[in-house]
Protein backbone atom coordinates (compact mmCIF):
# COMPACT_ATOMS: atom_id res chain seq x y z
CA MET A 1 -9.89 17.58 -17.24
CA PRO A 2 -8.77 18.41 -13.68
CA GLU A 3 -5.83 16.42 -12.36
CA ALA A 4 -5.50 14.68 -9.01
CA SER A 5 -2.64 17.06 -8.22
CA ASP A 6 -5.22 19.88 -8.12
CA ILE A 7 -7.03 18.38 -5.11
CA LEU A 8 -7.13 20.67 -2.07
CA PHE A 9 -7.38 18.85 1.28
CA ARG A 10 -9.14 20.68 4.10
CA PRO A 11 -11.11 19.95 7.28
CA ALA A 12 -14.70 19.07 6.45
CA THR A 13 -17.68 21.19 7.37
CA ALA A 14 -21.20 20.02 8.16
CA ALA A 15 -22.13 20.89 4.57
CA ASP A 16 -19.67 18.22 3.35
CA VAL A 17 -21.35 15.36 5.23
CA PRO A 18 -23.68 14.25 2.39
CA ALA A 19 -20.82 14.15 -0.12
CA VAL A 20 -18.61 12.23 2.31
CA VAL A 21 -21.35 9.68 2.96
CA ALA A 22 -21.74 9.27 -0.81
CA LEU A 23 -17.99 8.58 -1.10
CA LEU A 24 -18.19 6.05 1.75
CA ALA A 25 -21.08 4.26 0.04
CA ASP A 26 -19.42 4.20 -3.40
CA ASP A 27 -17.86 0.74 -3.25
CA VAL A 28 -18.91 -2.86 -2.71
CA LEU A 29 -18.44 -2.80 1.06
CA GLY A 30 -19.78 0.69 1.67
CA ALA A 31 -22.90 0.15 -0.42
CA GLY A 32 -24.03 -2.48 2.05
CA ARG A 33 -23.24 -0.66 5.27
CA GLU A 34 -24.03 3.03 4.73
CA SER A 35 -27.51 4.53 5.00
CA ALA A 36 -29.55 7.13 3.13
CA ASP A 37 -30.60 8.65 6.49
CA LEU A 38 -28.08 11.45 7.04
CA ALA A 39 -29.17 12.33 10.59
CA PRO A 40 -26.79 9.87 12.31
CA TYR A 41 -23.90 11.08 10.14
CA HIS A 42 -24.55 14.71 11.04
CA ALA A 43 -24.70 13.77 14.73
CA ALA A 44 -21.42 11.85 14.42
CA PHE A 45 -19.80 14.80 12.66
CA GLU A 46 -20.84 17.12 15.50
CA ALA A 47 -19.42 14.66 18.04
CA MET A 48 -16.14 14.50 16.11
CA GLN A 49 -15.96 18.29 16.09
CA SER A 50 -16.32 18.43 19.87
CA GLU A 51 -13.60 15.80 20.49
CA GLY A 52 -10.76 18.00 19.30
CA ASN A 53 -8.31 15.34 18.09
CA ASN A 54 -10.70 13.73 15.62
CA THR A 55 -10.97 15.39 12.22
CA LEU A 56 -12.77 14.57 9.00
CA ILE A 57 -10.80 15.73 5.96
CA VAL A 58 -12.16 16.22 2.45
CA GLY A 59 -10.27 16.50 -0.79
CA GLU A 60 -11.94 19.06 -3.01
CA LEU A 61 -11.56 19.43 -6.76
CA ASP A 62 -13.37 22.22 -8.56
CA GLY A 63 -15.73 22.66 -5.60
CA THR A 64 -16.62 18.96 -5.36
CA ALA A 65 -15.61 16.56 -2.59
CA VAL A 66 -13.67 13.79 -4.35
CA ALA A 67 -11.77 12.20 -1.45
CA THR A 68 -12.05 11.84 2.29
CA TYR A 69 -10.42 10.40 5.36
CA GLN A 70 -10.74 10.66 9.12
CA ILE A 71 -7.65 11.28 11.24
CA THR A 72 -7.55 10.91 15.00
CA PHE A 73 -4.54 11.80 17.13
CA ILE A 74 -3.94 9.47 20.07
CA SER A 75 -1.53 10.01 22.94
CA GLY A 76 -0.32 6.85 24.63
CA LEU A 77 2.32 5.30 26.83
CA SER A 78 3.48 2.41 24.63
CA LEU A 79 6.38 2.78 22.20
CA ARG A 80 8.11 5.28 24.49
CA ALA A 81 4.97 7.36 24.86
CA ALA A 82 4.48 7.66 21.10
CA ARG A 83 1.73 9.90 19.82
CA ARG A 84 0.07 8.25 16.88
CA ALA A 85 -2.32 9.14 14.11
CA GLN A 86 -5.13 6.72 13.32
CA VAL A 87 -6.45 7.04 9.76
CA GLU A 88 -9.88 5.64 8.89
CA SER A 89 -12.56 5.81 6.20
CA VAL A 90 -10.18 6.49 3.32
CA ARG A 91 -12.08 6.97 0.07
CA VAL A 92 -11.34 8.44 -3.35
CA ALA A 93 -13.99 9.05 -6.02
CA ALA A 94 -14.06 6.26 -8.59
CA SER A 95 -13.19 8.72 -11.38
CA LEU A 96 -9.88 9.57 -9.66
CA ARG A 97 -8.75 6.12 -8.59
CA ASN A 98 -5.42 4.99 -10.03
CA ARG A 99 -4.57 8.61 -10.90
CA GLY A 100 -2.49 9.54 -7.84
CA ALA A 101 -5.28 10.94 -5.67
CA GLY A 102 -4.87 8.27 -3.01
CA ALA A 103 -1.15 8.91 -2.68
CA LEU A 104 -1.85 12.64 -2.29
CA LEU A 105 -4.51 11.91 0.32
CA MET A 106 -2.13 9.76 2.35
CA ALA A 107 0.65 12.36 2.01
CA ASP A 108 -1.76 14.92 3.43
CA ALA A 109 -2.57 12.60 6.35
CA GLU A 110 1.12 12.02 7.02
CA SER A 111 1.81 15.75 6.95
CA ARG A 112 -0.99 16.40 9.44
CA ALA A 113 0.29 13.59 11.66
CA ARG A 114 3.82 15.00 11.71
CA ALA A 115 2.50 18.49 12.45
CA ALA A 116 0.56 17.05 15.42
CA GLY A 117 3.75 15.52 16.83
CA CYS A 118 3.00 11.94 15.87
CA SER A 119 5.80 9.45 15.41
CA LEU A 120 3.53 6.75 13.98
CA ILE A 121 0.67 6.65 11.52
CA GLN A 122 -1.58 3.61 11.48
CA LEU A 123 -4.68 2.41 9.72
CA THR A 124 -6.81 -0.63 9.18
CA SER A 125 -8.10 -1.87 5.87
CA ASN A 126 -10.70 -4.54 5.33
CA ALA A 127 -8.95 -7.84 4.57
CA THR A 128 -11.00 -8.25 1.37
CA ARG A 129 -9.50 -5.07 -0.11
CA ALA A 130 -6.47 -6.60 -1.85
CA ASP A 131 -5.88 -3.53 -4.03
CA ALA A 132 -5.90 -1.29 -0.95
CA ARG A 133 -3.37 -3.53 0.76
CA ARG A 134 -0.98 -3.27 -2.20
CA PHE A 135 -1.52 0.51 -2.29
CA TYR A 136 -0.64 0.97 1.39
CA GLU A 137 2.39 -1.29 1.08
CA ARG A 138 3.65 0.78 -1.88
CA LEU A 139 3.44 3.82 0.42
CA GLY A 140 5.64 2.14 3.02
CA PHE A 141 3.00 0.79 5.41
CA THR A 142 3.67 -2.67 6.80
CA SER A 143 1.17 -5.25 7.92
CA SER A 144 2.31 -5.55 11.52
CA HIS A 145 -0.68 -6.64 13.59
CA THR A 146 -3.78 -8.77 13.42
CA GLY A 147 -6.88 -6.68 13.97
CA PHE A 148 -9.99 -7.68 15.85
CA LYS A 149 -13.41 -6.09 15.89
CA LYS A 150 -16.51 -6.84 17.88
CA THR A 151 -19.88 -5.29 17.18
CA LEU A 152 -21.49 -3.91 20.32
CA GLY A 153 -25.24 -3.71 20.66
């Protein structure tokens, strides 16, 4: 059986979009908010590609996408003009959860953030995801802010 340590992280291609959407939909929250219509996801992927500092990453194991995250690099003036990495849409295939794949995924994100000159890596996690909160805290993340979201449209 392949091990989590064998996962290769790489920038996604358009061909990865269906597998990434399947990973996003493979949990209680995602099942209710993702769609079977892949057209909007392909359009979003193309938009991400054109933005330059916004990258979808896939973790591949034996030719199959088993993990994913999105990383966006943001330049700003606060915190002494800190460049930061925003990590979103973190998912690991159910078969690899609790086997070290998530820690490898986050290590990959941190490595990419450092290489891009970031001094801060940040993410949000749905407040109902208690296991995710414990996971991020084990990796050294601290809960430092209260997040707000507003649906537009």
